Amino acid sequence: GECPARPAPRARDRLDRIDVVGVIEDMAGFVRRLEARFGWDLGPIEVSNRTEPEAVSEEFRERIATDNALDVELYAYATEQITGSAEGTLPG
């Protein structure tokens, strides 16, 4: 079927039911919230398989942005929910 123009409300609703949401840009904060929420000790963050950024054309960047517009919008919703929550956990 065709992809909707905006993330389905169901996707946002499901995201709202997740206890802890994190983003790669704040992995340390995400790990701290997981530890606090579930009483875990996850230890130090290990980074593996890191690659260096590669130059790509503006046309390619635009294609990626177009192809992933719904993901980007849902990501923006998630980050708004994280920063709007006192503990970084989503309500629900």
PDB file of N, CA and C in Angstrom:
ATOM      1  N   GLY A   1       0.819  -1.192   0.000  1.00  0.00           N
ATOM      2  CA  GLY A   1       0.000   0.000   0.000  1.00  0.00           C
ATOM      3  C   GLY A   1       0.852   1.240   0.000  1.00  0.00           C
ATOM      4  N   GLU A   2       0.180   2.340  -0.149  1.00  0.00           N
ATOM      5  CA  GLU A   2       0.882   3.614  -0.135  1.00  0.00           C
ATOM      6  C   GLU A   2       1.247   4.028   1.271  1.00  0.00           C
ATOM      7  N   CYS A   3       2.337   4.723   1.371  1.00  0.00           N
ATOM      8  CA  CYS A   3       2.815   5.211   2.645  1.00  0.00           C
ATOM      9  C   CYS A   3       2.042   6.476   3.009  1.00  0.00           C
ATOM     10  N   PRO A   4       1.591   6.603   4.257  1.00  0.00           N
ATOM     11  CA  PRO A   4       0.856   7.808   4.645  1.00  0.00           C
ATOM     12  C   PRO A   4       1.747   9.039   4.614  1.00  0.00           C
ATOM     13  N   ALA A   5       1.127  10.209   4.506  1.00  0.00           N
ATOM     14  CA  ALA A   5       1.878  11.459   4.426  1.00  0.00           C
ATOM     15  C   ALA A   5       2.483  11.841   5.778  1.00  0.00           C
ATOM     16  N   ARG A   6       1.902  11.374   6.863  1.00  0.00           N
ATOM     17  CA  ARG A   6       2.390  11.674   8.207  1.00  0.00           C
ATOM     18  C   ARG A   6       2.437  10.375   9.005  1.00  0.00           C
ATOM     19  N   PRO A   7       3.303  10.327  10.035  1.00  0.00           N
ATOM     20  CA  PRO A   7       3.320   9.114  10.844  1.00  0.00           C
ATOM     21  C   PRO A   7       1.931   8.826  11.394  1.00  0.00           C
ATOM     22  N   ALA A   8       1.540   7.619  11.318  1.00  0.00           N
ATOM     23  CA  ALA A   8       0.224   7.225  11.797  1.00  0.00           C
ATOM     24  C   ALA A   8       0.124   7.503  13.291  1.00  0.00           C
ATOM     25  N   PRO A   9      -1.034   7.949  13.717  1.00  0.00           N
ATOM     26  CA  PRO A   9      -1.223   8.143  15.161  1.00  0.00           C
ATOM     27  C   PRO A   9      -0.908   6.875  15.954  1.00  0.00           C
ATOM     28  N   ARG A  10      -1.123   5.729  15.344  1.00  0.00           N
ATOM     29  CA  ARG A  10      -0.829   4.466  16.028  1.00  0.00           C
ATOM     30  C   ARG A  10       0.663   4.364  16.356  1.00  0.00           C
ATOM     31  N   ALA A  11       1.521   4.826  15.460  1.00  0.00           N
ATOM     32  CA  ALA A  11       2.965   4.781  15.725  1.00  0.00           C
ATOM     33  C   ALA A  11       3.312   5.670  16.910  1.00  0.00           C
ATOM     34  N   ARG A  12       2.735   6.863  16.957  1.00  0.00           N
ATOM     35  CA  ARG A  12       2.984   7.761  18.095  1.00  0.00           C
ATOM     36  C   ARG A  12       2.406   7.171  19.375  1.00  0.00           C
ATOM     37  N   ASP A  13       1.209   6.603  19.288  1.00  0.00           N
ATOM     38  CA  ASP A  13       0.590   5.992  20.468  1.00  0.00           C
ATOM     39  C   ASP A  13       1.441   4.861  21.015  1.00  0.00           C
ATOM     40  N   ARG A  14       1.970   4.050  20.132  1.00  0.00           N
ATOM     41  CA  ARG A  14       2.819   2.940  20.573  1.00  0.00           C
ATOM     42  C   ARG A  14       4.117   3.443  21.184  1.00  0.00           C
ATOM     43  N   LEU A  15       4.671   4.476  20.607  1.00  0.00           N
ATOM     44  CA  LEU A  15       5.883   5.064  21.167  1.00  0.00           C
ATOM     45  C   LEU A  15       5.609   5.592  22.572  1.00  0.00           C
ATOM     46  N   ASP A  16       4.441   6.177  22.767  1.00  0.00           N
ATOM     47  CA  ASP A  16       4.069   6.713  24.078  1.00  0.00           C
ATOM     48  C   ASP A  16       3.970   5.626  25.148  1.00  0.00           C
ATOM     49  N   ARG A  17       3.777   4.379  24.746  1.00  0.00           N
ATOM     50  CA  ARG A  17       3.640   3.281  25.706  1.00  0.00           C
ATOM     51  C   ARG A  17       4.966   2.634  26.077  1.00  0.00           C
ATOM     52  N   ILE A  18       6.038   3.062  25.454  1.00  0.00           N
ATOM     53  CA  ILE A  18       7.358   2.510  25.767  1.00  0.00           C
ATOM     54  C   ILE A  18       7.879   3.176  27.037  1.00  0.00           C
ATOM     55  N   ASP A  19       8.399   2.369  27.951  1.00  0.00           N
ATOM     56  CA  ASP A  19       8.852   2.900  29.241  1.00  0.00           C
ATOM     57  C   ASP A  19      10.006   3.880  29.120  1.00  0.00           C
ATOM     58  N   VAL A  20      11.009   3.552  28.311  1.00  0.00           N
ATOM     59  CA  VAL A  20      12.186   4.406  28.183  1.00  0.00           C
ATOM     60  C   VAL A  20      12.555   4.480  26.707  1.00  0.00           C
ATOM     61  N   VAL A  21      12.713   5.694  26.220  1.00  0.00           N
ATOM     62  CA  VAL A  21      13.091   5.905  24.828  1.00  0.00           C
ATOM     63  C   VAL A  21      14.399   6.683  24.815  1.00  0.00           C
ATOM     64  N   GLY A  22      15.283   6.336  23.900  1.00  0.00           N
ATOM     65  CA  GLY A  22      16.556   7.034  23.808  1.00  0.00           C
ATOM     66  C   GLY A  22      16.956   7.245  22.365  1.00  0.00           C
ATOM     67  N   VAL A  23      17.925   8.109  22.190  1.00  0.00           N
ATOM     68  CA  VAL A  23      18.461   8.396  20.861  1.00  0.00           C
ATOM     69  C   VAL A  23      19.980   8.224  20.919  1.00  0.00           C
ATOM     70  N   ILE A  24      20.540   7.888  19.797  1.00  0.00           N
ATOM     71  CA  ILE A  24      21.976   7.602  19.724  1.00  0.00           C
ATOM     72  C   ILE A  24      22.811   8.823  20.130  1.00  0.00           C
ATOM     73  N   GLU A  25      22.297  10.020  19.872  1.00  0.00           N
ATOM     74  CA  GLU A  25      23.047  11.237  20.211  1.00  0.00           C
ATOM     75  C   GLU A  25      23.204  11.420  21.718  1.00  0.00           C
ATOM     76  N   ASP A  26      22.367  10.741  22.504  1.00  0.00           N
ATOM     77  CA  ASP A  26      22.449  10.814  23.962  1.00  0.00           C
ATOM     78  C   ASP A  26      22.429   9.405  24.542  1.00  0.00           C
ATOM     79  N   MET A  27      23.324   8.564  24.062  1.00  0.00           N
ATOM     80  CA  MET A  27      23.361   7.174  24.524  1.00  0.00           C
ATOM     81  C   MET A  27      23.604   7.098  26.025  1.00  0.00           C
ATOM     82  N   ALA A  28      24.494   7.943  26.553  1.00  0.00           N
ATOM     83  CA  ALA A  28      24.789   7.921  27.989  1.00  0.00           C
ATOM     84  C   ALA A  28      23.527   8.239  28.795  1.00  0.00           C
ATOM     85  N   GLY A  29      22.762   9.220  28.364  1.00  0.00           N
ATOM     86  CA  GLY A  29      21.521   9.553  29.053  1.00  0.00           C
ATOM     87  C   GLY A  29      20.506   8.429  28.972  1.00  0.00           C
ATOM     88  N   PHE A  30      20.418   7.792  27.814  1.00  0.00           N
ATOM     89  CA  PHE A  30      19.510   6.670  27.626  1.00  0.00           C
ATOM     90  C   PHE A  30      19.872   5.518  28.563  1.00  0.00           C
ATOM     91  N   VAL A  31      21.161   5.203  28.648  1.00  0.00           N
ATOM     92  CA  VAL A  31      21.608   4.121  29.526  1.00  0.00           C
ATOM     93  C   VAL A  31      21.297   4.464  30.982  1.00  0.00           C
ATOM     94  N   ARG A  32      21.541   5.709  31.391  1.00  0.00           N
ATOM     95  CA  ARG A  32      21.225   6.116  32.768  1.00  0.00           C
ATOM     96  C   ARG A  32      19.733   5.961  33.062  1.00  0.00           C
ATOM     97  N   ARG A  33      18.878   6.346  32.083  1.00  0.00           N
ATOM     98  CA  ARG A  33      17.427   6.216  32.289  1.00  0.00           C
ATOM     99  C   ARG A  33      17.005   4.752  32.360  1.00  0.00           C
ATOM    100  N   LEU A  34      17.620   3.892  31.543  1.00  0.00           N
ATOM    101  CA  LEU A  34      17.322   2.455  31.622  1.00  0.00           C
ATOM    102  C   LEU A  34      17.706   1.903  32.991  1.00  0.00           C
ATOM    103  N   GLU A  35      18.893   2.274  33.455  1.00  0.00           N
ATOM    104  CA  GLU A  35      19.353   1.800  34.755  1.00  0.00           C
ATOM    105  C   GLU A  35      18.426   2.260  35.874  1.00  0.00           C
ATOM    106  N   ALA A  36      18.013   3.538  35.804  1.00  0.00           N
ATOM    107  CA  ALA A  36      17.128   4.076  36.834  1.00  0.00           C
ATOM    108  C   ALA A  36      15.745   3.425  36.787  1.00  0.00           C
ATOM    109  N   ARG A  37      15.215   3.236  35.603  1.00  0.00           N
ATOM    110  CA  ARG A  37      13.861   2.694  35.463  1.00  0.00           C
ATOM    111  C   ARG A  37      13.771   1.234  35.864  1.00  0.00           C
ATOM    112  N   PHE A  38      14.770   0.431  35.477  1.00  0.00           N
ATOM    113  CA  PHE A  38      14.685  -1.008  35.676  1.00  0.00           C
ATOM    114  C   PHE A  38      15.632  -1.550  36.758  1.00  0.00           C
ATOM    115  N   GLY A  39      16.430  -0.667  37.362  1.00  0.00           N
ATOM    116  CA  GLY A  39      17.345  -1.105  38.400  1.00  0.00           C
ATOM    117  C   GLY A  39      18.534  -1.903  37.879  1.00  0.00           C
ATOM    118  N   TRP A  40      18.872  -1.699  36.641  1.00  0.00           N
ATOM    119  CA  TRP A  40      19.970  -2.419  36.015  1.00  0.00           C
ATOM    120  C   TRP A  40      21.294  -1.695  36.225  1.00  0.00           C
ATOM    121  N   ASP A  41      22.396  -2.432  36.088  1.00  0.00           N
ATOM    122  CA  ASP A  41      23.731  -1.855  35.993  1.00  0.00           C
ATOM    123  C   ASP A  41      24.289  -2.313  34.654  1.00  0.00           C
ATOM    124  N   LEU A  42      24.242  -1.456  33.681  1.00  0.00           N
ATOM    125  CA  LEU A  42      24.646  -1.820  32.326  1.00  0.00           C
ATOM    126  C   LEU A  42      26.135  -1.632  32.071  1.00  0.00           C
ATOM    127  N   GLY A  43      26.838  -1.049  33.024  1.00  0.00           N
ATOM    128  CA  GLY A  43      28.271  -0.867  32.856  1.00  0.00           C
ATOM    129  C   GLY A  43      28.594   0.212  31.839  1.00  0.00           C
ATOM    130  N   PRO A  44      29.875   0.322  31.508  1.00  0.00           N
ATOM    131  CA  PRO A  44      30.283   1.368  30.568  1.00  0.00           C
ATOM    132  C   PRO A  44      29.761   1.091  29.150  1.00  0.00           C
ATOM    133  N   ILE A  45      29.538   2.160  28.434  1.00  0.00           N
ATOM    134  CA  ILE A  45      29.074   2.050  27.050  1.00  0.00           C
ATOM    135  C   ILE A  45      30.251   1.636  26.179  1.00  0.00           C
ATOM    136  N   GLU A  46      30.039   0.622  25.367  1.00  0.00           N
ATOM    137  CA  GLU A  46      31.063   0.174  24.442  1.00  0.00           C
ATOM    138  C   GLU A  46      30.685   0.624  23.034  1.00  0.00           C
ATOM    139  N   VAL A  47      31.648   1.194  22.348  1.00  0.00           N
ATOM    140  CA  VAL A  47      31.426   1.658  20.978  1.00  0.00           C
ATOM    141  C   VAL A  47      32.184   0.720  20.042  1.00  0.00           C
ATOM    142  N   SER A  48      31.461   0.210  19.062  1.00  0.00           N
ATOM    143  CA  SER A  48      32.104  -0.651  18.075  1.00  0.00           C
ATOM    144  C   SER A  48      31.543  -0.330  16.696  1.00  0.00           C
ATOM    145  N   ASN A  49      32.279  -0.711  15.707  1.00  0.00           N
ATOM    146  CA  ASN A  49      31.827  -0.539  14.326  1.00  0.00           C
ATOM    147  C   ASN A  49      31.522   0.921  13.975  1.00  0.00           C
ATOM    148  N   ARG A  50      32.331   1.831  14.480  1.00  0.00           N
ATOM    149  CA  ARG A  50      32.150   3.252  14.176  1.00  0.00           C
ATOM    150  C   ARG A  50      32.837   3.558  12.856  1.00  0.00           C
ATOM    151  N   THR A  51      32.138   4.240  11.986  1.00  0.00           N
ATOM    152  CA  THR A  51      32.717   4.617  10.692  1.00  0.00           C
ATOM    153  C   THR A  51      32.846   6.130  10.609  1.00  0.00           C
ATOM    154  N   GLU A  52      33.728   6.561   9.763  1.00  0.00           N
ATOM    155  CA  GLU A  52      33.918   7.987   9.536  1.00  0.00           C
ATOM    156  C   GLU A  52      32.865   8.490   8.552  1.00  0.00           C
ATOM    157  N   PRO A  53      32.395   9.725   8.746  1.00  0.00           N
ATOM    158  CA  PRO A  53      31.440  10.290   7.784  1.00  0.00           C
ATOM    159  C   PRO A  53      32.047  10.319   6.379  1.00  0.00           C
ATOM    160  N   GLU A  54      31.197  10.171   5.402  1.00  0.00           N
ATOM    161  CA  GLU A  54      31.638  10.173   4.010  1.00  0.00           C
ATOM    162  C   GLU A  54      30.895  11.277   3.265  1.00  0.00           C
ATOM    163  N   ALA A  55      31.611  12.009   2.457  1.00  0.00           N
ATOM    164  CA  ALA A  55      30.995  13.072   1.673  1.00  0.00           C
ATOM    165  C   ALA A  55      30.052  12.471   0.627  1.00  0.00           C
ATOM    166  N   VAL A  56      28.855  13.025   0.545  1.00  0.00           N
ATOM    167  CA  VAL A  56      27.885  12.590  -0.463  1.00  0.00           C
ATOM    168  C   VAL A  56      27.288  13.832  -1.117  1.00  0.00           C
ATOM    169  N   SER A  57      26.714  13.649  -2.268  1.00  0.00           N
ATOM    170  CA  SER A  57      26.143  14.781  -2.996  1.00  0.00           C
ATOM    171  C   SER A  57      24.870  15.294  -2.315  1.00  0.00           C
ATOM    172  N   GLU A  58      24.553  16.542  -2.580  1.00  0.00           N
ATOM    173  CA  GLU A  58      23.317  17.131  -2.050  1.00  0.00           C
ATOM    174  C   GLU A  58      22.108  16.382  -2.597  1.00  0.00           C
ATOM    175  N   GLU A  59      22.174  15.940  -3.828  1.00  0.00           N
ATOM    176  CA  GLU A  59      21.083  15.175  -4.429  1.00  0.00           C
ATOM    177  C   GLU A  59      20.829  13.880  -3.640  1.00  0.00           C
ATOM    178  N   PHE A  60      21.899  13.211  -3.258  1.00  0.00           N
ATOM    179  CA  PHE A  60      21.763  11.983  -2.481  1.00  0.00           C
ATOM    180  C   PHE A  60      21.174  12.269  -1.100  1.00  0.00           C
ATOM    181  N   ARG A  61      21.630  13.343  -0.452  1.00  0.00           N
ATOM    182  CA  ARG A  61      21.081  13.738   0.853  1.00  0.00           C
ATOM    183  C   ARG A  61      19.580  14.023   0.747  1.00  0.00           C
ATOM    184  N   GLU A  62      19.178  14.703  -0.310  1.00  0.00           N
ATOM    185  CA  GLU A  62      17.762  14.999  -0.516  1.00  0.00           C
ATOM    186  C   GLU A  62      16.957  13.715  -0.721  1.00  0.00           C
ATOM    187  N   ARG A  63      17.522  12.772  -1.449  1.00  0.00           N
ATOM    188  CA  ARG A  63      16.849  11.481  -1.673  1.00  0.00           C
ATOM    189  C   ARG A  63      16.651  10.743  -0.359  1.00  0.00           C
ATOM    190  N   ILE A  64      17.686  10.733   0.458  1.00  0.00           N
ATOM    191  CA  ILE A  64      17.589  10.075   1.760  1.00  0.00           C
ATOM    192  C   ILE A  64      16.523  10.769   2.614  1.00  0.00           C
ATOM    193  N   ALA A  65      16.533  12.092   2.630  1.00  0.00           N
ATOM    194  CA  ALA A  65      15.547  12.846   3.408  1.00  0.00           C
ATOM    195  C   ALA A  65      14.128  12.544   2.938  1.00  0.00           C
ATOM    196  N   THR A  66      13.930  12.481   1.652  1.00  0.00           N
ATOM    197  CA  THR A  66      12.600  12.181   1.102  1.00  0.00           C
ATOM    198  C   THR A  66      12.177  10.766   1.463  1.00  0.00           C
ATOM    199  N   ASP A  67      13.067   9.817   1.274  1.00  0.00           N
ATOM    200  CA  ASP A  67      12.749   8.417   1.542  1.00  0.00           C
ATOM    201  C   ASP A  67      12.488   8.139   3.019  1.00  0.00           C
ATOM    202  N   ASN A  68      13.044   8.967   3.891  1.00  0.00           N
ATOM    203  CA  ASN A  68      12.939   8.722   5.330  1.00  0.00           C
ATOM    204  C   ASN A  68      12.157   9.800   6.070  1.00  0.00           C
ATOM    205  N   ALA A  69      11.352  10.558   5.364  1.00  0.00           N
ATOM    206  CA  ALA A  69      10.627  11.683   5.971  1.00  0.00           C
ATOM    207  C   ALA A  69       9.748  11.253   7.146  1.00  0.00           C
ATOM    208  N   LEU A  70       9.069  10.122   7.018  1.00  0.00           N
ATOM    209  CA  LEU A  70       8.202   9.662   8.106  1.00  0.00           C
ATOM    210  C   LEU A  70       9.016   9.237   9.326  1.00  0.00           C
ATOM    211  N   ASP A  71      10.148   8.596   9.081  1.00  0.00           N
ATOM    212  CA  ASP A  71      11.025   8.208  10.186  1.00  0.00           C
ATOM    213  C   ASP A  71      11.549   9.446  10.904  1.00  0.00           C
ATOM    214  N   VAL A  72      11.932  10.446  10.137  1.00  0.00           N
ATOM    215  CA  VAL A  72      12.453  11.684  10.718  1.00  0.00           C
ATOM    216  C   VAL A  72      11.376  12.365  11.562  1.00  0.00           C
ATOM    217  N   GLU A  73      10.158  12.363  11.081  1.00  0.00           N
ATOM    218  CA  GLU A  73       9.079  12.987  11.839  1.00  0.00           C
ATOM    219  C   GLU A  73       8.791  12.228  13.134  1.00  0.00           C
ATOM    220  N   LEU A  74       8.797  10.912  13.079  1.00  0.00           N
ATOM    221  CA  LEU A  74       8.584  10.120  14.290  1.00  0.00           C
ATOM    222  C   LEU A  74       9.751  10.299  15.262  1.00  0.00           C
ATOM    223  N   TYR A  75      10.961  10.395  14.738  1.00  0.00           N
ATOM    224  CA  TYR A  75      12.137  10.664  15.565  1.00  0.00           C
ATOM    225  C   TYR A  75      11.986  12.018  16.267  1.00  0.00           C
ATOM    226  N   ALA A  76      11.540  13.022  15.539  1.00  0.00           N
ATOM    227  CA  ALA A  76      11.335  14.346  16.131  1.00  0.00           C
ATOM    228  C   ALA A  76      10.296  14.277  17.248  1.00  0.00           C
ATOM    229  N   TYR A  77       9.229  13.524  17.024  1.00  0.00           N
ATOM    230  CA  TYR A  77       8.199  13.345  18.050  1.00  0.00           C
ATOM    231  C   TYR A  77       8.812  12.681  19.282  1.00  0.00           C
ATOM    232  N   ALA A  78       9.600  11.651  19.072  1.00  0.00           N
ATOM    233  CA  ALA A  78      10.226  10.941  20.191  1.00  0.00           C
ATOM    234  C   ALA A  78      11.146  11.864  20.975  1.00  0.00           C
ATOM    235  N   THR A  79      11.971  12.630  20.292  1.00  0.00           N
ATOM    236  CA  THR A  79      12.896  13.509  21.006  1.00  0.00           C
ATOM    237  C   THR A  79      12.148  14.600  21.756  1.00  0.00           C
ATOM    238  N   GLU A  80      11.038  15.072  21.210  1.00  0.00           N
ATOM    239  CA  GLU A  80      10.214  16.046  21.937  1.00  0.00           C
ATOM    240  C   GLU A  80       9.654  15.427  23.211  1.00  0.00           C
ATOM    241  N   GLN A  81       9.221  14.191  23.122  1.00  0.00           N
ATOM    242  CA  GLN A  81       8.682  13.503  24.292  1.00  0.00           C
ATOM    243  C   GLN A  81       9.770  13.275  25.342  1.00  0.00           C
ATOM    244  N   ILE A  82      10.966  12.912  24.905  1.00  0.00           N
ATOM    245  CA  ILE A  82      12.073  12.677  25.828  1.00  0.00           C
ATOM    246  C   ILE A  82      12.442  13.966  26.551  1.00  0.00           C
ATOM    247  N   THR A  83      12.631  15.045  25.794  1.00  0.00           N
ATOM    248  CA  THR A  83      13.056  16.294  26.425  1.00  0.00           C
ATOM    249  C   THR A  83      11.950  16.929  27.246  1.00  0.00           C
ATOM    250  N   GLY A  84      10.702  16.594  26.952  1.00  0.00           N
ATOM    251  CA  GLY A  84       9.576  17.135  27.702  1.00  0.00           C
ATOM    252  C   GLY A  84       9.263  16.361  28.973  1.00  0.00           C
ATOM    253  N   SER A  85       9.908  15.225  29.165  1.00  0.00           N
ATOM    254  CA  SER A  85       9.667  14.387  30.325  1.00  0.00           C
ATOM    255  C   SER A  85      10.740  14.640  31.366  1.00  0.00           C
ATOM    256  N   ALA A  86      10.341  14.778  32.611  1.00  0.00           N
ATOM    257  CA  ALA A  86      11.286  15.077  33.691  1.00  0.00           C
ATOM    258  C   ALA A  86      12.359  14.005  33.832  1.00  0.00           C
ATOM    259  N   GLU A  87      12.003  12.737  33.618  1.00  0.00           N
ATOM    260  CA  GLU A  87      12.956  11.659  33.803  1.00  0.00           C
ATOM    261  C   GLU A  87      13.420  11.048  32.498  1.00  0.00           C
ATOM    262  N   GLY A  88      12.958  11.568  31.365  1.00  0.00           N
ATOM    263  CA  GLY A  88      13.334  10.980  30.089  1.00  0.00           C
ATOM    264  C   GLY A  88      12.570   9.722  29.782  1.00  0.00           C
ATOM    265  N   THR A  89      11.508   9.468  30.550  1.00  0.00           N
ATOM    266  CA  THR A  89      10.658   8.337  30.258  1.00  0.00           C
ATOM    267  C   THR A  89       9.357   8.858  29.700  1.00  0.00           C
ATOM    268  N   LEU A  90       8.785   8.118  28.827  1.00  0.00           N
ATOM    269  CA  LEU A  90       7.534   8.553  28.220  1.00  0.00           C
ATOM    270  C   LEU A  90       6.375   8.232  29.134  1.00  0.00           C
ATOM    271  N   PRO A  91       5.362   9.094  29.112  1.00  0.00           N
ATOM    272  CA  PRO A  91       4.187   8.826  29.957  1.00  0.00           C
ATOM    273  C   PRO A  91       3.446   7.596  29.454  1.00  0.00           C
ATOM    274  N   GLY A  92       2.726   6.945  30.360  1.00  0.00           N
ATOM    275  CA  GLY A  92       1.900   5.841  29.904  1.00  0.00           C
ATOM    276  C   GLY A  92       1.849   4.672  30.767  1.00  0.00           C
TER     277      GLY A  92
END
